[in-house]
Protein backbone atom coordinates (compact mmCIF):
# COMPACT_ATOMS: atom_id res chain seq x y z
CA ALA A 1 102.97 250.59 -14.15
CA VAL A 2 99.75 252.59 -13.99
CA VAL A 3 99.03 255.76 -12.02
CA SER A 4 95.39 256.87 -12.26
CA THR A 5 94.98 257.88 -15.93
CA GLN A 6 98.70 257.69 -16.62
CA SER A 7 101.28 254.98 -17.19
CA THR A 8 104.99 255.03 -16.40
CA GLY A 9 107.86 253.86 -18.58
CA SER A 10 111.62 254.16 -18.96
CA ASP A 11 114.15 254.43 -21.76
CA LYS A 12 117.71 253.29 -22.44
CA ALA A 13 119.08 256.68 -21.44
CA GLY A 14 118.23 255.90 -17.82
CA ASP A 15 115.21 258.22 -17.56
CA ALA A 16 111.67 257.44 -16.40
CA TYR A 17 108.57 259.22 -17.69
CA SER A 18 104.83 259.21 -17.12
CA TYR A 19 102.50 259.13 -20.13
CA THR A 20 98.82 259.76 -20.67
CA PHE A 21 96.94 256.72 -21.99
CA LYS A 22 96.80 258.45 -25.37
CA MET A 23 100.62 258.59 -25.35
CA THR A 24 100.43 262.19 -26.64
CA ASP A 25 102.26 263.76 -23.75
CA ARG A 26 104.99 262.70 -21.37
CA HIS A 27 106.25 264.08 -18.07
CA TYR A 28 109.81 263.57 -16.84
CA LEU A 29 109.90 261.74 -13.51
CA LEU A 30 113.49 260.80 -12.66
CA GLY A 31 116.82 259.75 -14.11
CA HIS A 32 119.48 257.09 -13.55
CA VAL A 33 123.05 257.34 -14.82
CA SER A 34 122.68 253.88 -16.36
CA VAL A 35 119.97 252.04 -18.29
CA VAL A 36 116.68 251.64 -16.42
CA MET A 37 115.65 247.99 -16.78
CA ASP A 38 112.21 248.03 -15.15
CA CYS A 39 109.86 250.33 -13.25
CA ILE A 40 106.66 249.78 -11.25
CA MET A 41 104.38 251.78 -9.00
CA SER A 42 103.76 250.87 -5.38
CA ARG A 43 100.30 249.50 -4.71
CA ASP A 44 99.29 252.63 -2.83
CA GLY A 45 100.53 254.88 -5.65
CA LYS A 46 102.90 256.78 -3.35
CA TYR A 47 106.20 255.47 -4.74
CA ILE A 48 107.80 254.50 -8.03
CA VAL A 49 110.37 251.69 -7.99
CA THR A 50 113.07 251.58 -10.67
CA CYS A 51 116.01 249.25 -11.23
CA ASP A 52 119.03 249.67 -13.44
CA ARG A 53 122.14 248.30 -15.12
CA ASP A 54 124.33 249.18 -12.11
CA GLU A 55 122.83 246.76 -9.55
CA LYS A 56 120.59 249.42 -7.97
CA ILE A 57 116.93 249.45 -7.00
CA ARG A 58 115.64 252.95 -6.31
CA VAL A 59 112.44 253.74 -4.40
CA SER A 60 111.29 257.31 -5.09
CA HIS A 61 108.33 259.33 -3.85
CA TYR A 62 105.64 259.96 -6.46
CA PRO A 63 105.07 262.42 -8.06
CA ASN A 64 108.05 264.27 -6.48
CA CYS A 65 110.50 261.65 -7.70
CA TYR A 66 113.55 263.75 -6.86
CA ASN A 67 112.78 262.76 -3.25
CA VAL A 68 114.42 259.33 -2.91
CA GLN A 69 112.99 257.12 -0.20
CA SER A 70 115.75 254.49 -0.36
CA TYR A 71 118.21 252.48 -2.43
CA LEU A 72 118.03 248.71 -2.16
CA MET A 73 121.54 247.37 -2.64
CA GLY A 74 122.47 243.69 -2.72
CA HIS A 75 122.52 242.47 -6.31
CA THR A 76 126.00 242.14 -7.85
CA GLU A 77 124.85 242.36 -11.47
CA PHE A 78 122.20 244.31 -13.38
CA VAL A 79 118.68 244.24 -11.93
CA HIS A 80 116.12 243.73 -14.68
CA GLY A 81 112.86 242.81 -12.97
CA VAL A 82 110.88 244.04 -9.94
CA VAL A 83 107.37 243.13 -8.73
CA HIS A 84 105.42 243.52 -5.51
CA ALA A 85 105.13 240.26 -3.59
CA SER A 86 102.90 242.03 -1.02
CA ASP A 87 102.03 245.58 0.00
CA THR A 88 105.33 245.90 1.88
CA THR A 89 107.50 243.33 0.07
CA LEU A 90 109.35 243.74 -3.21
CA ALA A 91 110.80 240.91 -5.28
CA SER A 92 113.67 241.46 -7.71
CA ILE A 93 115.75 239.42 -10.15
CA GLY A 94 119.19 240.17 -11.57
CA GLY A 95 122.00 238.95 -13.74
CA ASP A 96 123.65 237.49 -10.65
CA CYS A 97 121.23 234.54 -10.86
CA THR A 98 119.37 235.58 -7.72
CA LEU A 99 115.82 236.35 -6.70
CA LYS A 100 115.65 238.66 -3.69
CA LEU A 101 112.84 239.71 -1.38
CA TRP A 102 112.99 243.19 0.18
CA ASP A 103 111.12 244.56 3.20
CA LEU A 104 110.10 248.07 2.18
CA THR A 105 109.44 249.09 5.79
CA SER A 106 113.07 248.57 6.75
CA ASP A 107 114.72 248.68 3.27
CA THR A 108 116.46 245.36 3.91
CA CYS A 109 116.83 242.12 1.97
CA THR A 110 114.96 239.38 3.83
CA SER A 111 115.53 236.42 1.51
CA THR A 112 117.72 235.35 -1.42
CA HIS A 113 117.11 232.44 -3.77
CA THR A 114 119.96 231.47 -6.12
CA SER A 115 119.37 229.83 -9.49
CA PRO A 116 121.95 227.85 -11.53
CA VAL A 117 121.19 230.16 -14.48
CA PRO A 118 119.90 233.77 -14.70
CA TYR A 119 116.20 234.45 -14.45
CA THR A 120 114.81 236.24 -17.50
CA SER A 121 111.44 237.44 -16.15
CA ILE A 122 109.34 237.65 -12.99
CA SER A 123 105.59 238.09 -12.52
CA TYR A 124 103.34 238.15 -9.48
CA LEU A 125 100.40 235.79 -9.09
CA PRO A 126 98.19 235.73 -5.98
CA SER A 127 100.42 234.11 -3.32
CA PHE A 128 103.00 233.04 -5.95
CA LEU A 129 105.89 234.30 -8.05
CA LEU A 130 106.28 233.12 -11.64
CA LEU A 131 109.89 233.02 -12.85
CA SER A 132 111.41 232.06 -16.16
CA THR A 133 114.89 231.19 -17.40
CA ALA A 134 115.97 230.68 -20.99
CA ASP A 135 114.08 227.38 -21.19
CA THR A 136 112.05 226.86 -17.99
CA LEU A 137 109.10 228.19 -16.00
CA SER A 138 108.85 227.85 -12.23
CA ILE A 139 106.32 228.78 -9.56
CA HIS A 140 107.62 229.86 -6.15
CA SER A 141 105.96 230.89 -2.91
CA ALA A 142 105.74 234.68 -2.71
CA ASN A 143 106.63 234.53 0.99
CA ASN A 144 109.51 232.07 0.59
CA PRO A 145 111.13 231.99 -2.87
CA ASN A 146 113.24 229.00 -1.85
CA ASN A 147 109.98 227.04 -1.84
CA GLN A 148 109.67 226.03 -5.49
CA ILE A 149 106.19 224.62 -6.01
CA SER A 150 106.38 223.47 -9.62
CA THR A 151 108.52 223.77 -12.74
CA ALA A 152 108.26 223.03 -16.45
CA THR A 153 110.74 222.81 -19.30
CA VAL A 154 109.56 224.89 -22.27
CA PRO A 155 110.12 223.38 -25.74
CA GLY A 156 111.64 225.99 -28.04
CA GLY A 157 112.87 228.16 -25.16
CA VAL A 158 111.32 231.16 -23.40
CA ALA A 159 111.42 234.42 -25.35
CA SER A 160 108.77 236.24 -23.31
CA THR A 161 105.91 235.57 -20.91
CA ALA A 162 102.55 237.14 -20.07
CA VAL A 163 100.05 236.26 -17.36
CA SER A 164 96.28 236.43 -17.81
CA GLY A 165 94.21 235.12 -14.94
CA ASP A 166 95.21 231.51 -14.29
CA THR A 167 97.08 231.12 -17.57
CA VAL A 168 100.68 231.84 -18.53
CA ALA A 169 101.38 232.56 -22.19
CA VAL A 170 104.91 231.80 -23.33
CA LEU A 171 106.34 233.10 -26.58
CA THR A 172 108.86 230.58 -27.92
CA LEU A 173 110.92 230.27 -31.08
CA SER A 174 108.40 227.72 -32.35
CA GLY A 175 105.17 229.49 -31.41
CA ILE A 176 103.00 230.33 -28.40
CA LEU A 177 102.31 227.93 -25.53
CA LEU A 178 99.63 228.35 -22.85
CA TYR A 179 100.25 226.87 -19.40
CA PRO A 180 97.35 226.65 -16.92
CA ILE A 181 98.13 227.29 -13.25
CA SER A 182 96.11 225.56 -10.52
CA ASN A 183 95.02 227.28 -7.32
CA ASP A 184 97.90 225.62 -5.46
CA GLY A 185 100.52 226.88 -7.93
CA VAL A 186 101.03 223.78 -10.06
CA LEU A 187 101.79 224.30 -13.76
CA GLY A 188 99.60 222.19 -16.03
CA GLU A 189 100.32 220.69 -19.43
CA ALA A 190 101.07 223.19 -22.17
CA VAL A 191 98.62 223.83 -25.00
CA ARG A 192 99.96 225.20 -28.28
CA VAL A 193 98.12 228.17 -29.77
CA GLU A 194 97.35 227.64 -33.44
CA GLU A 195 97.50 230.44 -35.99
CA GLY A 196 94.51 232.74 -35.99
CA VAL A 197 92.91 235.54 -34.00
CA GLU A 198 93.84 234.02 -30.64
CA ALA A 199 97.48 233.72 -31.70
CA VAL A 200 97.53 237.37 -32.75
CA GLN A 201 96.11 238.43 -29.38
CA TRP A 202 98.71 236.49 -27.41
CA SER A 203 101.54 237.56 -29.71
CA GLU A 204 101.35 241.11 -28.35
CA MET A 205 104.00 240.00 -25.88
CA VAL A 206 107.28 241.72 -26.61
CA VAL A 207 110.58 239.84 -26.83
CA SER A 208 113.20 241.48 -24.64
CA LYS A 209 116.93 240.90 -24.60
CA LEU A 210 119.01 241.05 -21.45
CA PRO A 211 122.30 242.96 -21.43
CA GLU A 212 125.59 241.14 -21.19
CA ARG A 213 126.84 240.47 -17.69
CA LYS A 214 129.67 242.58 -16.39
CA LYS A 215 132.12 242.34 -13.54
CA PRO A 216 130.50 242.94 -10.14
CA ALA A 217 130.98 246.49 -8.91
CA GLY A 218 129.35 246.24 -5.49
CA VAL A 219 129.86 249.19 -3.15
CA LYS A 220 132.55 250.73 -5.37
CA GLY A 221 130.04 250.88 -8.22
CA PHE A 222 127.58 252.67 -5.93
CA GLN A 223 130.25 255.18 -4.88
CA ALA A 224 131.09 255.82 -8.53
CA TYR A 225 127.39 256.43 -9.19
CA PHE A 226 127.23 259.15 -6.52
CA GLU A 227 130.45 260.72 -7.83
CA ARG A 228 128.98 260.93 -11.36
CA LYS A 229 125.77 262.36 -9.93
CA ARG A 230 127.71 264.97 -7.90
CA LYS A 231 129.68 265.99 -11.00
CA ARG A 232 126.48 266.30 -13.05
CA ILE A 233 124.85 268.52 -10.40
CA GLU A 234 127.96 270.72 -10.22
CA ASP A 235 128.00 271.11 -14.02
CA GLU A 236 124.29 271.99 -14.13
CA THR A 237 124.72 274.48 -11.28
CA ALA A 238 127.67 276.14 -13.03
CA LYS A 239 125.67 276.49 -16.26
CA ALA A 240 122.74 278.01 -14.40
CA GLU A 241 124.98 280.51 -12.57
CA ALA A 242 126.71 281.46 -15.83
CA LYS A 243 123.32 282.04 -17.48
CA ILE A 244 122.19 284.29 -14.61
CA ALA A 245 125.46 286.24 -14.70
CA ALA A 246 125.16 286.75 -18.45
CA SER A 247 121.66 288.18 -18.11
């Protein structure tokens, strides 16, 4: 996600940072008690949205990220992808094989689409959502994810995807495939990228691996999260008081 002259990113420790474009400096933004899987900025730049290994989506004020606007709870497995489907709508995917739409004005889930297998990535296209599984691509309406407009089976499987204009690049075990997308959301026939400069440019896509699924934690998992957070705050407060007393 990009904020003015900075970008945001997260690490496996559950922390989110902002970086200058030169990547020479970083500024701590917020922390989760589990691995942060994805993070994006709101379109107006006022919020940062993060999702994690413990089924949570967190909406925090930017740049004062300690001020949490809301938690979006509903997934029963890790949440590993979030995109904006509109200025006030968020779309998310998780290990529970669901795609969910969230109304950010009321912090409620407005729609759930269930897939037979887990989604591996999600991207926003004008009026559409692009989703991938281990071996398929599909285009869905951004307003109604249950409306699947087109789908394609990807030879060699889907390792990673990237969108550029009206083209989807797919990194597979056997090379790179380019799928054109029509104005009405229909996936065209794939074209294989031969070795050369163009292949190098498209190969900048990074292969990511999803974590193993775990048993659903639901509300109990959320309560445990707050208990760990409370304990961490108490420990930090005790250390600070001890330091003041010692001085």
